[in-house]
Amino acid sequence: MGHLHRRYHHVQVRTLQFHPNYVNLTCHYAEFLVFRNLPRHQFGNLQSKMFPAYFSMVGVCIAVTVASFGYLHPWKTSSTSERYQLGFLISALAFNLTNLFVFTPMTIEVFLIPLLNNFAFH
């Protein structure tokens, strides 16, 4: 019995390593290292590929969450707190789409325009 308990505990510990907060912290640390160690044009090129993919993935996840929450908690029969939750989910989707379609192109432009100007004059 002790052997099974140890194996179950090992599975629990291994699962905790892939908790979303752990992954998020790891990604931010890796992004910091990349920012500190790559030249600006390489970092900008990397971010120009990563930002749209990241915000697209998050947008799809939030849209699925909004759809499933709306399906499980119809508006007419939902409580006030469930309506607030749905409102917050929809606002998270709106902010994410704003990041994807407004701020991401602006950020990419800030990183890549100096690179293009350098190549144009040399």
PDB file of N, CA and C in Angstrom:
ATOM      1  N   MET A   1       0.823  -1.191   0.000  1.00  0.00           N
ATOM      2  CA  MET A   1       0.000   0.000   0.000  1.00  0.00           C
ATOM      3  C   MET A   1       0.867   1.254   0.000  1.00  0.00           C
ATOM      4  N   GLY A   2       1.972   1.239   0.753  1.00  0.00           N
ATOM      5  CA  GLY A   2       2.855   2.392   0.800  1.00  0.00           C
ATOM      6  C   GLY A   2       3.440   2.700  -0.573  1.00  0.00           C
ATOM      7  N   HIS A   3       3.717   1.650  -1.351  1.00  0.00           N
ATOM      8  CA  HIS A   3       4.279   1.845  -2.686  1.00  0.00           C
ATOM      9  C   HIS A   3       3.285   2.582  -3.583  1.00  0.00           C
ATOM     10  N   LEU A   4       2.009   2.211  -3.517  1.00  0.00           N
ATOM     11  CA  LEU A   4       1.002   2.888  -4.325  1.00  0.00           C
ATOM     12  C   LEU A   4       0.846   4.351  -3.902  1.00  0.00           C
ATOM     13  N   HIS A   5       0.922   4.579  -2.596  1.00  0.00           N
ATOM     14  CA  HIS A   5       0.805   5.946  -2.108  1.00  0.00           C
ATOM     15  C   HIS A   5       1.959   6.808  -2.630  1.00  0.00           C
ATOM     16  N   ARG A   6       3.167   6.248  -2.629  1.00  0.00           N
ATOM     17  CA  ARG A   6       4.315   6.999  -3.133  1.00  0.00           C
ATOM     18  C   ARG A   6       4.165   7.291  -4.627  1.00  0.00           C
ATOM     19  N   ARG A   7       3.659   6.328  -5.384  1.00  0.00           N
ATOM     20  CA  ARG A   7       3.473   6.552  -6.819  1.00  0.00           C
ATOM     21  C   ARG A   7       2.425   7.630  -7.065  1.00  0.00           C
ATOM     22  N   TYR A   8       1.337   7.611  -6.280  1.00  0.00           N
ATOM     23  CA  TYR A   8       0.295   8.621  -6.436  1.00  0.00           C
ATOM     24  C   TYR A   8       0.857   9.997  -6.083  1.00  0.00           C
ATOM     25  N   HIS A   9       1.644  10.065  -5.020  1.00  0.00           N
ATOM     26  CA  HIS A   9       2.249  11.333  -4.616  1.00  0.00           C
ATOM     27  C   HIS A   9       3.203  11.827  -5.708  1.00  0.00           C
ATOM     28  N   HIS A  10       3.945  10.917  -6.319  1.00  0.00           N
ATOM     29  CA  HIS A  10       4.856  11.286  -7.403  1.00  0.00           C
ATOM     30  C   HIS A  10       4.067  11.874  -8.574  1.00  0.00           C
ATOM     31  N   VAL A  11       2.915  11.275  -8.905  1.00  0.00           N
ATOM     32  CA  VAL A  11       2.092  11.792  -9.996  1.00  0.00           C
ATOM     33  C   VAL A  11       1.582  13.185  -9.645  1.00  0.00           C
ATOM     34  N   GLN A  12       1.175  13.392  -8.385  1.00  0.00           N
ATOM     35  CA  GLN A  12       0.701  14.709  -7.973  1.00  0.00           C
ATOM     36  C   GLN A  12       1.821  15.746  -8.098  1.00  0.00           C
ATOM     37  N   VAL A  13       3.000  15.415  -7.646  1.00  0.00           N
ATOM     38  CA  VAL A  13       4.115  16.360  -7.707  1.00  0.00           C
ATOM     39  C   VAL A  13       4.468  16.660  -9.154  1.00  0.00           C
ATOM     40  N   ARG A  14       4.496  15.654 -10.017  1.00  0.00           N
ATOM     41  CA  ARG A  14       4.814  15.865 -11.430  1.00  0.00           C
ATOM     42  C   ARG A  14       3.742  16.728 -12.094  1.00  0.00           C
ATOM     43  N   THR A  15       2.477  16.556 -11.712  1.00  0.00           N
ATOM     44  CA  THR A  15       1.406  17.345 -12.296  1.00  0.00           C
ATOM     45  C   THR A  15       1.536  18.809 -11.898  1.00  0.00           C
ATOM     46  N   LEU A  16       1.963  19.083 -10.689  1.00  0.00           N
ATOM     47  CA  LEU A  16       2.104  20.460 -10.235  1.00  0.00           C
ATOM     48  C   LEU A  16       3.139  21.228 -11.045  1.00  0.00           C
ATOM     49  N   GLN A  17       4.096  20.538 -11.611  1.00  0.00           N
ATOM     50  CA  GLN A  17       5.114  21.212 -12.405  1.00  0.00           C
ATOM     51  C   GLN A  17       4.531  21.845 -13.662  1.00  0.00           C
ATOM     52  N   PHE A  18       3.410  21.341 -14.138  1.00  0.00           N
ATOM     53  CA  PHE A  18       2.818  21.867 -15.359  1.00  0.00           C
ATOM     54  C   PHE A  18       1.571  22.694 -15.075  1.00  0.00           C
ATOM     55  N   HIS A  19       1.466  23.203 -13.877  1.00  0.00           N
ATOM     56  CA  HIS A  19       0.370  24.091 -13.517  1.00  0.00           C
ATOM     57  C   HIS A  19       0.477  25.352 -14.373  1.00  0.00           C
ATOM     58  N   PRO A  20      -0.649  25.946 -14.817  1.00  0.00           N
ATOM     59  CA  PRO A  20      -0.579  27.127 -15.691  1.00  0.00           C
ATOM     60  C   PRO A  20       0.254  28.270 -15.123  1.00  0.00           C
ATOM     61  N   ASN A  21       0.203  28.514 -13.816  1.00  0.00           N
ATOM     62  CA  ASN A  21       1.002  29.592 -13.247  1.00  0.00           C
ATOM     63  C   ASN A  21       2.492  29.290 -13.375  1.00  0.00           C
ATOM     64  N   TYR A  22       2.863  28.026 -13.220  1.00  0.00           N
ATOM     65  CA  TYR A  22       4.259  27.623 -13.376  1.00  0.00           C
ATOM     66  C   TYR A  22       4.707  27.850 -14.811  1.00  0.00           C
ATOM     67  N   VAL A  23       3.860  27.447 -15.763  1.00  0.00           N
ATOM     68  CA  VAL A  23       4.190  27.625 -17.175  1.00  0.00           C
ATOM     69  C   VAL A  23       4.263  29.109 -17.504  1.00  0.00           C
ATOM     70  N   ASN A  24       3.321  29.900 -16.986  1.00  0.00           N
ATOM     71  CA  ASN A  24       3.305  31.335 -17.248  1.00  0.00           C
ATOM     72  C   ASN A  24       4.568  31.989 -16.706  1.00  0.00           C
ATOM     73  N   LEU A  25       4.972  31.635 -15.496  1.00  0.00           N
ATOM     74  CA  LEU A  25       6.182  32.190 -14.910  1.00  0.00           C
ATOM     75  C   LEU A  25       7.405  31.798 -15.729  1.00  0.00           C
ATOM     76  N   THR A  26       7.446  30.554 -16.169  1.00  0.00           N
ATOM     77  CA  THR A  26       8.558  30.084 -16.978  1.00  0.00           C
ATOM     78  C   THR A  26       8.622  30.838 -18.306  1.00  0.00           C
ATOM     79  N   CYS A  27       7.476  31.064 -18.932  1.00  0.00           N
ATOM     80  CA  CYS A  27       7.461  31.778 -20.215  1.00  0.00           C
ATOM     81  C   CYS A  27       7.919  33.216 -20.046  1.00  0.00           C
ATOM     82  N   HIS A  28       7.482  33.881 -18.967  1.00  0.00           N
ATOM     83  CA  HIS A  28       7.910  35.260 -18.754  1.00  0.00           C
ATOM     84  C   HIS A  28       9.403  35.336 -18.453  1.00  0.00           C
ATOM     85  N   TYR A  29       9.929  34.371 -17.721  1.00  0.00           N
ATOM     86  CA  TYR A  29      11.358  34.342 -17.440  1.00  0.00           C
ATOM     87  C   TYR A  29      12.143  34.110 -18.730  1.00  0.00           C
ATOM     88  N   ALA A  30      11.646  33.190 -19.565  1.00  0.00           N
ATOM     89  CA  ALA A  30      12.319  32.929 -20.844  1.00  0.00           C
ATOM     90  C   ALA A  30      12.262  34.160 -21.739  1.00  0.00           C
ATOM     91  N   GLU A  31      11.130  34.867 -21.739  1.00  0.00           N
ATOM     92  CA  GLU A  31      11.024  36.083 -22.539  1.00  0.00           C
ATOM     93  C   GLU A  31      12.006  37.137 -22.048  1.00  0.00           C
ATOM     94  N   PHE A  32      12.172  37.254 -20.745  1.00  0.00           N
ATOM     95  CA  PHE A  32      13.136  38.202 -20.190  1.00  0.00           C
ATOM     96  C   PHE A  32      14.554  37.845 -20.640  1.00  0.00           C
ATOM     97  N   LEU A  33      14.881  36.562 -20.595  1.00  0.00           N
ATOM     98  CA  LEU A  33      16.218  36.135 -21.032  1.00  0.00           C
ATOM     99  C   LEU A  33      16.435  36.415 -22.516  1.00  0.00           C
ATOM    100  N   VAL A  34      15.426  36.161 -23.325  1.00  0.00           N
ATOM    101  CA  VAL A  34      15.543  36.423 -24.754  1.00  0.00           C
ATOM    102  C   VAL A  34      15.721  37.914 -24.993  1.00  0.00           C
ATOM    103  N   PHE A  35      14.947  38.732 -24.279  1.00  0.00           N
ATOM    104  CA  PHE A  35      15.047  40.191 -24.427  1.00  0.00           C
ATOM    105  C   PHE A  35      16.436  40.687 -24.058  1.00  0.00           C
ATOM    106  N   ARG A  36      17.005  40.127 -23.004  1.00  0.00           N
ATOM    107  CA  ARG A  36      18.310  40.580 -22.537  1.00  0.00           C
ATOM    108  C   ARG A  36      19.464  40.088 -23.413  1.00  0.00           C
ATOM    109  N   ASN A  37      19.293  38.969 -24.119  1.00  0.00           N
ATOM    110  CA  ASN A  37      20.415  38.348 -24.809  1.00  0.00           C
ATOM    111  C   ASN A  37      20.371  38.406 -26.334  1.00  0.00           C
ATOM    112  N   LEU A  38      19.258  38.787 -26.927  1.00  0.00           N
ATOM    113  CA  LEU A  38      19.198  38.879 -28.383  1.00  0.00           C
ATOM    114  C   LEU A  38      19.324  40.334 -28.816  1.00  0.00           C
ATOM    115  N   PRO A  39      19.927  40.568 -29.969  1.00  0.00           N
ATOM    116  CA  PRO A  39      19.900  41.932 -30.522  1.00  0.00           C
ATOM    117  C   PRO A  39      18.454  42.354 -30.799  1.00  0.00           C
ATOM    118  N   ARG A  40      18.234  43.660 -30.839  1.00  0.00           N
ATOM    119  CA  ARG A  40      16.882  44.187 -30.949  1.00  0.00           C
ATOM    120  C   ARG A  40      16.151  43.661 -32.179  1.00  0.00           C
ATOM    121  N   HIS A  41      16.807  43.604 -33.328  1.00  0.00           N
ATOM    122  CA  HIS A  41      16.122  43.173 -34.542  1.00  0.00           C
ATOM    123  C   HIS A  41      15.722  41.698 -34.469  1.00  0.00           C
ATOM    124  N   GLN A  42      16.558  40.857 -33.846  1.00  0.00           N
ATOM    125  CA  GLN A  42      16.192  39.448 -33.700  1.00  0.00           C
ATOM    126  C   GLN A  42      15.056  39.279 -32.705  1.00  0.00           C
ATOM    127  N   PHE A  43      15.099  40.056 -31.607  1.00  0.00           N
ATOM    128  CA  PHE A  43      14.020  39.999 -30.636  1.00  0.00           C
ATOM    129  C   PHE A  43      12.711  40.473 -31.272  1.00  0.00           C
ATOM    130  N   GLY A  44      12.774  41.547 -32.050  1.00  0.00           N
ATOM    131  CA  GLY A  44      11.576  42.040 -32.722  1.00  0.00           C
ATOM    132  C   GLY A  44      11.012  41.041 -33.709  1.00  0.00           C
ATOM    133  N   ASN A  45      11.889  40.376 -34.433  1.00  0.00           N
ATOM    134  CA  ASN A  45      11.436  39.354 -35.370  1.00  0.00           C
ATOM    135  C   ASN A  45      10.779  38.193 -34.633  1.00  0.00           C
ATOM    136  N   LEU A  46      11.368  37.776 -33.528  1.00  0.00           N
ATOM    137  CA  LEU A  46      10.801  36.697 -32.730  1.00  0.00           C
ATOM    138  C   LEU A  46       9.439  37.100 -32.167  1.00  0.00           C
ATOM    139  N   GLN A  47       9.341  38.303 -31.620  1.00  0.00           N
ATOM    140  CA  GLN A  47       8.080  38.762 -31.046  1.00  0.00           C
ATOM    141  C   GLN A  47       7.016  38.942 -32.118  1.00  0.00           C
ATOM    142  N   SER A  48       7.417  39.317 -33.325  1.00  0.00           N
ATOM    143  CA  SER A  48       6.437  39.491 -34.398  1.00  0.00           C
ATOM    144  C   SER A  48       5.778  38.169 -34.777  1.00  0.00           C
ATOM    145  N   LYS A  49       6.428  37.076 -34.458  1.00  0.00           N
ATOM    146  CA  LYS A  49       5.841  35.753 -34.692  1.00  0.00           C
ATOM    147  C   LYS A  49       5.094  35.242 -33.457  1.00  0.00           C
ATOM    148  N   MET A  50       5.617  35.560 -32.269  1.00  0.00           N
ATOM    149  CA  MET A  50       5.034  35.012 -31.040  1.00  0.00           C
ATOM    150  C   MET A  50       3.766  35.742 -30.591  1.00  0.00           C
ATOM    151  N   PHE A  51       3.749  37.076 -30.674  1.00  0.00           N
ATOM    152  CA  PHE A  51       2.591  37.837 -30.186  1.00  0.00           C
ATOM    153  C   PHE A  51       1.292  37.428 -30.873  1.00  0.00           C
ATOM    154  N   PRO A  52       1.228  37.405 -32.215  1.00  0.00           N
ATOM    155  CA  PRO A  52      -0.044  37.013 -32.839  1.00  0.00           C
ATOM    156  C   PRO A  52      -0.468  35.584 -32.483  1.00  0.00           C
ATOM    157  N   ALA A  53       0.494  34.681 -32.429  1.00  0.00           N
ATOM    158  CA  ALA A  53       0.153  33.297 -32.078  1.00  0.00           C
ATOM    159  C   ALA A  53      -0.373  33.215 -30.648  1.00  0.00           C
ATOM    160  N   TYR A  54       0.287  33.914 -29.724  1.00  0.00           N
ATOM    161  CA  TYR A  54      -0.125  33.890 -28.323  1.00  0.00           C
ATOM    162  C   TYR A  54      -1.525  34.472 -28.142  1.00  0.00           C
ATOM    163  N   PHE A  55      -1.745  35.674 -28.686  1.00  0.00           N
ATOM    164  CA  PHE A  55      -3.044  36.305 -28.481  1.00  0.00           C
ATOM    165  C   PHE A  55      -4.146  35.595 -29.250  1.00  0.00           C
ATOM    166  N   SER A  56      -3.838  34.967 -30.371  1.00  0.00           N
ATOM    167  CA  SER A  56      -4.837  34.163 -31.083  1.00  0.00           C
ATOM    168  C   SER A  56      -5.241  32.953 -30.255  1.00  0.00           C
ATOM    169  N   MET A  57      -4.247  32.271 -29.684  1.00  0.00           N
ATOM    170  CA  MET A  57      -4.537  31.102 -28.860  1.00  0.00           C
ATOM    171  C   MET A  57      -5.360  31.482 -27.639  1.00  0.00           C
ATOM    172  N   VAL A  58      -4.980  32.567 -26.973  1.00  0.00           N
ATOM    173  CA  VAL A  58      -5.727  33.009 -25.802  1.00  0.00           C
ATOM    174  C   VAL A  58      -7.143  33.418 -26.209  1.00  0.00           C
ATOM    175  N   GLY A  59      -7.286  34.079 -27.349  1.00  0.00           N
ATOM    176  CA  GLY A  59      -8.609  34.475 -27.824  1.00  0.00           C
ATOM    177  C   GLY A  59      -9.515  33.285 -28.081  1.00  0.00           C
ATOM    178  N   VAL A  60      -8.976  32.245 -28.693  1.00  0.00           N
ATOM    179  CA  VAL A  60      -9.762  31.036 -28.937  1.00  0.00           C
ATOM    180  C   VAL A  60     -10.176  30.402 -27.610  1.00  0.00           C
ATOM    181  N   CYS A  61      -9.253  30.344 -26.657  1.00  0.00           N
ATOM    182  CA  CYS A  61      -9.579  29.754 -25.348  1.00  0.00           C
ATOM    183  C   CYS A  61     -10.663  30.551 -24.628  1.00  0.00           C
ATOM    184  N   ILE A  62     -10.564  31.877 -24.666  1.00  0.00           N
ATOM    185  CA  ILE A  62     -11.576  32.698 -24.011  1.00  0.00           C
ATOM    186  C   ILE A  62     -12.918  32.561 -24.728  1.00  0.00           C
ATOM    187  N   ALA A  63     -12.902  32.508 -26.060  1.00  0.00           N
ATOM    188  CA  ALA A  63     -14.152  32.359 -26.809  1.00  0.00           C
ATOM    189  C   ALA A  63     -14.835  31.035 -26.479  1.00  0.00           C
ATOM    190  N   VAL A  64     -14.053  29.972 -26.366  1.00  0.00           N
ATOM    191  CA  VAL A  64     -14.619  28.677 -25.978  1.00  0.00           C
ATOM    192  C   VAL A  64     -15.184  28.755 -24.556  1.00  0.00           C
ATOM    193  N   THR A  65     -14.482  29.447 -23.668  1.00  0.00           N
ATOM    194  CA  THR A  65     -14.958  29.603 -22.295  1.00  0.00           C
ATOM    195  C   THR A  65     -16.260  30.387 -22.256  1.00  0.00           C
ATOM    196  N   VAL A  66     -16.336  31.479 -23.009  1.00  0.00           N
ATOM    197  CA  VAL A  66     -17.561  32.281 -23.055  1.00  0.00           C
ATOM    198  C   VAL A  66     -18.711  31.452 -23.610  1.00  0.00           C
ATOM    199  N   ALA A  67     -18.457  30.714 -24.686  1.00  0.00           N
ATOM    200  CA  ALA A  67     -19.511  29.898 -25.290  1.00  0.00           C
ATOM    201  C   ALA A  67     -19.997  28.807 -24.337  1.00  0.00           C
ATOM    202  N   SER A  68     -19.071  28.124 -23.678  1.00  0.00           N
ATOM    203  CA  SER A  68     -19.490  27.054 -22.769  1.00  0.00           C
ATOM    204  C   SER A  68     -20.176  27.613 -21.528  1.00  0.00           C
ATOM    205  N   PHE A  69     -19.689  28.741 -21.022  1.00  0.00           N
ATOM    206  CA  PHE A  69     -20.336  29.347 -19.854  1.00  0.00           C
ATOM    207  C   PHE A  69     -21.734  29.835 -20.226  1.00  0.00           C
ATOM    208  N   GLY A  70     -21.861  30.450 -21.416  1.00  0.00           N
ATOM    209  CA  GLY A  70     -23.176  30.896 -21.869  1.00  0.00           C
ATOM    210  C   GLY A  70     -24.130  29.740 -22.101  1.00  0.00           C
ATOM    211  N   TYR A  71     -23.616  28.619 -22.569  1.00  0.00           N
ATOM    212  CA  TYR A  71     -24.452  27.436 -22.773  1.00  0.00           C
ATOM    213  C   TYR A  71     -24.898  26.840 -21.440  1.00  0.00           C
ATOM    214  N   LEU A  72     -23.992  26.773 -20.476  1.00  0.00           N
ATOM    215  CA  LEU A  72     -24.324  26.166 -19.178  1.00  0.00           C
ATOM    216  C   LEU A  72     -25.141  27.089 -18.281  1.00  0.00           C
ATOM    217  N   HIS A  73     -25.054  28.396 -18.512  1.00  0.00           N
ATOM    218  CA  HIS A  73     -25.772  29.374 -17.692  1.00  0.00           C
ATOM    219  C   HIS A  73     -26.527  30.329 -18.608  1.00  0.00           C
ATOM    220  N   PRO A  74     -27.690  29.896 -19.144  1.00  0.00           N
ATOM    221  CA  PRO A  74     -28.445  30.784 -20.049  1.00  0.00           C
ATOM    222  C   PRO A  74     -28.790  32.111 -19.366  1.00  0.00           C
ATOM    223  N   TRP A  75     -28.814  33.178 -20.143  1.00  0.00           N
ATOM    224  CA  TRP A  75     -28.970  34.536 -19.609  1.00  0.00           C
ATOM    225  C   TRP A  75     -30.270  34.689 -18.813  1.00  0.00           C
ATOM    226  N   LYS A  76     -31.362  34.146 -19.306  1.00  0.00           N
ATOM    227  CA  LYS A  76     -32.660  34.342 -18.649  1.00  0.00           C
ATOM    228  C   LYS A  76     -32.760  33.629 -17.311  1.00  0.00           C
ATOM    229  N   THR A  77     -32.044  32.536 -17.150  1.00  0.00           N
ATOM    230  CA  THR A  77     -32.144  31.781 -15.892  1.00  0.00           C
ATOM    231  C   THR A  77     -30.921  31.956 -14.995  1.00  0.00           C
ATOM    232  N   SER A  78     -29.972  32.772 -15.404  1.00  0.00           N
ATOM    233  CA  SER A  78     -28.744  32.911 -14.606  1.00  0.00           C
ATOM    234  C   SER A  78     -28.940  33.927 -13.492  1.00  0.00           C
ATOM    235  N   SER A  79     -28.146  33.752 -12.454  1.00  0.00           N
ATOM    236  CA  SER A  79     -28.181  34.670 -11.320  1.00  0.00           C
ATOM    237  C   SER A  79     -27.366  35.923 -11.646  1.00  0.00           C
ATOM    238  N   THR A  80     -27.415  36.880 -10.757  1.00  0.00           N
ATOM    239  CA  THR A  80     -26.670  38.132 -10.960  1.00  0.00           C
ATOM    240  C   THR A  80     -25.171  37.875 -11.014  1.00  0.00           C
ATOM    241  N   SER A  81     -24.673  37.025 -10.125  1.00  0.00           N
ATOM    242  CA  SER A  81     -23.228  36.755 -10.121  1.00  0.00           C
ATOM    243  C   SER A  81     -22.796  36.042 -11.401  1.00  0.00           C
ATOM    244  N   GLU A  82     -23.638  35.156 -11.937  1.00  0.00           N
ATOM    245  CA  GLU A  82     -23.301  34.487 -13.201  1.00  0.00           C
ATOM    246  C   GLU A  82     -23.304  35.468 -14.365  1.00  0.00           C
ATOM    247  N   ARG A  83     -24.192  36.450 -14.324  1.00  0.00           N
ATOM    248  CA  ARG A  83     -24.205  37.478 -15.366  1.00  0.00           C
ATOM    249  C   ARG A  83     -22.947  38.337 -15.291  1.00  0.00           C
ATOM    250  N   TYR A  84     -22.527  38.650 -14.063  1.00  0.00           N
ATOM    251  CA  TYR A  84     -21.271  39.387 -13.910  1.00  0.00           C
ATOM    252  C   TYR A  84     -20.090  38.577 -14.436  1.00  0.00           C
ATOM    253  N   GLN A  85     -20.079  37.280 -14.118  1.00  0.00           N
ATOM    254  CA  GLN A  85     -18.986  36.425 -14.596  1.00  0.00           C
ATOM    255  C   GLN A  85     -18.937  36.409 -16.123  1.00  0.00           C
ATOM    256  N   LEU A  86     -20.106  36.284 -16.746  1.00  0.00           N
ATOM    257  CA  LEU A  86     -20.151  36.287 -18.207  1.00  0.00           C
ATOM    258  C   LEU A  86     -19.690  37.635 -18.756  1.00  0.00           C
ATOM    259  N   GLY A  87     -20.083  38.713 -18.089  1.00  0.00           N
ATOM    260  CA  GLY A  87     -19.634  40.043 -18.508  1.00  0.00           C
ATOM    261  C   GLY A  87     -18.130  40.191 -18.415  1.00  0.00           C
ATOM    262  N   PHE A  88     -17.544  39.669 -17.337  1.00  0.00           N
ATOM    263  CA  PHE A  88     -16.088  39.746 -17.193  1.00  0.00           C
ATOM    264  C   PHE A  88     -15.380  38.891 -18.240  1.00  0.00           C
ATOM    265  N   LEU A  89     -15.947  37.732 -18.549  1.00  0.00           N
ATOM    266  CA  LEU A  89     -15.356  36.893 -19.596  1.00  0.00           C
ATOM    267  C   LEU A  89     -15.414  37.588 -20.955  1.00  0.00           C
ATOM    268  N   ILE A  90     -16.541  38.220 -21.246  1.00  0.00           N
ATOM    269  CA  ILE A  90     -16.673  38.922 -22.522  1.00  0.00           C
ATOM    270  C   ILE A  90     -15.713  40.113 -22.577  1.00  0.00           C
ATOM    271  N   SER A  91     -15.554  40.815 -21.456  1.00  0.00           N
ATOM    272  CA  SER A  91     -14.598  41.934 -21.449  1.00  0.00           C
ATOM    273  C   SER A  91     -13.162  41.423 -21.610  1.00  0.00           C
ATOM    274  N   ALA A  92     -12.843  40.262 -21.027  1.00  0.00           N
ATOM    275  CA  ALA A  92     -11.511  39.676 -21.225  1.00  0.00           C
ATOM    276  C   ALA A  92     -11.290  39.342 -22.699  1.00  0.00           C
ATOM    277  N   LEU A  93     -12.327  38.830 -23.357  1.00  0.00           N
ATOM    278  CA  LEU A  93     -12.226  38.543 -24.786  1.00  0.00           C
ATOM    279  C   LEU A  93     -12.018  39.830 -25.580  1.00  0.00           C
ATOM    280  N   ALA A  94     -12.749  40.880 -25.219  1.00  0.00           N
ATOM    281  CA  ALA A  94     -12.611  42.162 -25.921  1.00  0.00           C
ATOM    282  C   ALA A  94     -11.208  42.742 -25.735  1.00  0.00           C
ATOM    283  N   PHE A  95     -10.683  42.692 -24.514  1.00  0.00           N
ATOM    284  CA  PHE A  95      -9.336  43.206 -24.272  1.00  0.00           C
ATOM    285  C   PHE A  95      -8.285  42.378 -25.016  1.00  0.00           C
ATOM    286  N   ASN A  96      -8.476  41.070 -25.048  1.00  0.00           N
ATOM    287  CA  ASN A  96      -7.530  40.227 -25.771  1.00  0.00           C
ATOM    288  C   ASN A  96      -7.561  40.524 -27.271  1.00  0.00           C
ATOM    289  N   LEU A  97      -8.750  40.691 -27.830  1.00  0.00           N
ATOM    290  CA  LEU A  97      -8.847  41.021 -29.252  1.00  0.00           C
ATOM    291  C   LEU A  97      -8.254  42.397 -29.544  1.00  0.00           C
ATOM    292  N   THR A  98      -8.399  43.327 -28.601  1.00  0.00           N
ATOM    293  CA  THR A  98      -7.755  44.631 -28.750  1.00  0.00           C
ATOM    294  C   THR A  98      -6.240  44.472 -28.781  1.00  0.00           C
ATOM    295  N   ASN A  99      -5.713  43.644 -27.890  1.00  0.00           N
ATOM    296  CA  ASN A  99      -4.275  43.363 -27.919  1.00  0.00           C
ATOM    297  C   ASN A  99      -3.854  42.764 -29.254  1.00  0.00           C
ATOM    298  N   LEU A 100      -4.650  41.827 -29.755  1.00  0.00           N
ATOM    299  CA  LEU A 100      -4.300  41.122 -30.992  1.00  0.00           C
ATOM    300  C   LEU A 100      -4.337  42.043 -32.203  1.00  0.00           C
ATOM    301  N   PHE A 101      -5.390  42.862 -32.328  1.00  0.00           N
ATOM    302  CA  PHE A 101      -5.588  43.617 -33.562  1.00  0.00           C
ATOM    303  C   PHE A 101      -5.123  45.067 -33.503  1.00  0.00           C
ATOM    304  N   VAL A 102      -4.871  45.615 -32.302  1.00  0.00           N
ATOM    305  CA  VAL A 102      -4.445  47.002 -32.193  1.00  0.00           C
ATOM    306  C   VAL A 102      -3.003  47.100 -31.693  1.00  0.00           C
ATOM    307  N   PHE A 103      -2.772  46.565 -30.499  1.00  0.00           N
ATOM    308  CA  PHE A 103      -1.466  46.766 -29.869  1.00  0.00           C
ATOM    309  C   PHE A 103      -0.368  45.872 -30.435  1.00  0.00           C
ATOM    310  N   THR A 104      -0.699  44.666 -30.867  1.00  0.00           N
ATOM    311  CA  THR A 104       0.325  43.790 -31.440  1.00  0.00           C
ATOM    312  C   THR A 104       0.928  44.388 -32.712  1.00  0.00           C
ATOM    313  N   PRO A 105       0.117  44.868 -33.675  1.00  0.00           N
ATOM    314  CA  PRO A 105       0.749  45.492 -34.853  1.00  0.00           C
ATOM    315  C   PRO A 105       1.572  46.728 -34.493  1.00  0.00           C
ATOM    316  N   MET A 106       1.117  47.504 -33.509  1.00  0.00           N
ATOM    317  CA  MET A 106       1.885  48.680 -33.103  1.00  0.00           C
ATOM    318  C   MET A 106       3.222  48.260 -32.497  1.00  0.00           C
ATOM    319  N   THR A 107       3.205  47.226 -31.663  1.00  0.00           N
ATOM    320  CA  THR A 107       4.435  46.748 -31.026  1.00  0.00           C
ATOM    321  C   THR A 107       5.402  46.189 -32.062  1.00  0.00           C
ATOM    322  N   ILE A 108       4.882  45.418 -32.991  1.00  0.00           N
ATOM    323  CA  ILE A 108       5.728  44.858 -34.042  1.00  0.00           C
ATOM    324  C   ILE A 108       6.348  45.984 -34.874  1.00  0.00           C
ATOM    325  N   GLU A 109       5.563  47.001 -35.153  1.00  0.00           N
ATOM    326  CA  GLU A 109       6.078  48.130 -35.924  1.00  0.00           C
ATOM    327  C   GLU A 109       7.208  48.840 -35.185  1.00  0.00           C
ATOM    328  N   VAL A 110       7.062  49.003 -33.874  1.00  0.00           N
ATOM    329  CA  VAL A 110       8.103  49.660 -33.093  1.00  0.00           C
ATOM    330  C   VAL A 110       9.409  48.870 -33.151  1.00  0.00           C
ATOM    331  N   PHE A 111       9.307  47.542 -33.131  1.00  0.00           N
ATOM    332  CA  PHE A 111      10.519  46.724 -33.165  1.00  0.00           C
ATOM    333  C   PHE A 111      11.098  46.588 -34.568  1.00  0.00           C
ATOM    334  N   LEU A 112      10.249  46.554 -35.593  1.00  0.00           N
ATOM    335  CA  LEU A 112      10.759  46.238 -36.930  1.00  0.00           C
ATOM    336  C   LEU A 112      11.052  47.444 -37.797  1.00  0.00           C
ATOM    337  N   ILE A 113      10.413  48.588 -37.596  1.00  0.00           N
ATOM    338  CA  ILE A 113      10.674  49.768 -38.436  1.00  0.00           C
ATOM    339  C   ILE A 113      12.130  50.227 -38.328  1.00  0.00           C
ATOM    340  N   PRO A 114      12.722  50.324 -37.121  1.00  0.00           N
ATOM    341  CA  PRO A 114      14.147  50.693 -37.081  1.00  0.00           C
ATOM    342  C   PRO A 114      15.025  49.693 -37.837  1.00  0.00           C
ATOM    343  N   LEU A 115      14.665  48.444 -37.803  1.00  0.00           N
ATOM    344  CA  LEU A 115      15.419  47.429 -38.538  1.00  0.00           C
ATOM    345  C   LEU A 115      15.332  47.684 -40.038  1.00  0.00           C
ATOM    346  N   LEU A 116      14.137  47.961 -40.538  1.00  0.00           N
ATOM    347  CA  LEU A 116      13.972  48.220 -41.962  1.00  0.00           C
ATOM    348  C   LEU A 116      14.681  49.502 -42.373  1.00  0.00           C
ATOM    349  N   ASN A 117      14.664  50.519 -41.528  1.00  0.00           N
ATOM    350  CA  ASN A 117      15.367  51.765 -41.832  1.00  0.00           C
ATOM    351  C   ASN A 117      16.868  51.545 -41.903  1.00  0.00           C
ATOM    352  N   ASN A 118      17.408  50.716 -41.029  1.00  0.00           N
ATOM    353  CA  ASN A 118      18.843  50.427 -41.059  1.00  0.00           C
ATOM    354  C   ASN A 118      19.254  49.736 -42.345  1.00  0.00           C
ATOM    355  N   PHE A 119      18.420  48.810 -42.836  1.00  0.00           N
ATOM    356  CA  PHE A 119      18.754  48.114 -44.075  1.00  0.00           C
ATOM    357  C   PHE A 119      18.589  49.018 -45.290  1.00  0.00           C
ATOM    358  N   ALA A 120      17.691  49.976 -45.228  1.00  0.00           N
ATOM    359  CA  ALA A 120      17.436  50.859 -46.375  1.00  0.00           C
ATOM    360  C   ALA A 120      18.618  51.809 -46.610  1.00  0.00           C
ATOM    361  N   PHE A 121      19.330  52.201 -45.561  1.00  0.00           N
ATOM    362  CA  PHE A 121      20.404  53.179 -45.703  1.00  0.00           C
ATOM    363  C   PHE A 121      21.790  52.548 -45.870  1.00  0.00           C
ATOM    364  N   HIS A 122      21.902  51.251 -45.757  1.00  0.00           N
ATOM    365  CA  HIS A 122      23.227  50.623 -45.840  1.00  0.00           C
ATOM    366  C   HIS A 122      23.390  49.855 -47.106  1.00  0.00           C
TER     367      HIS A 122
END
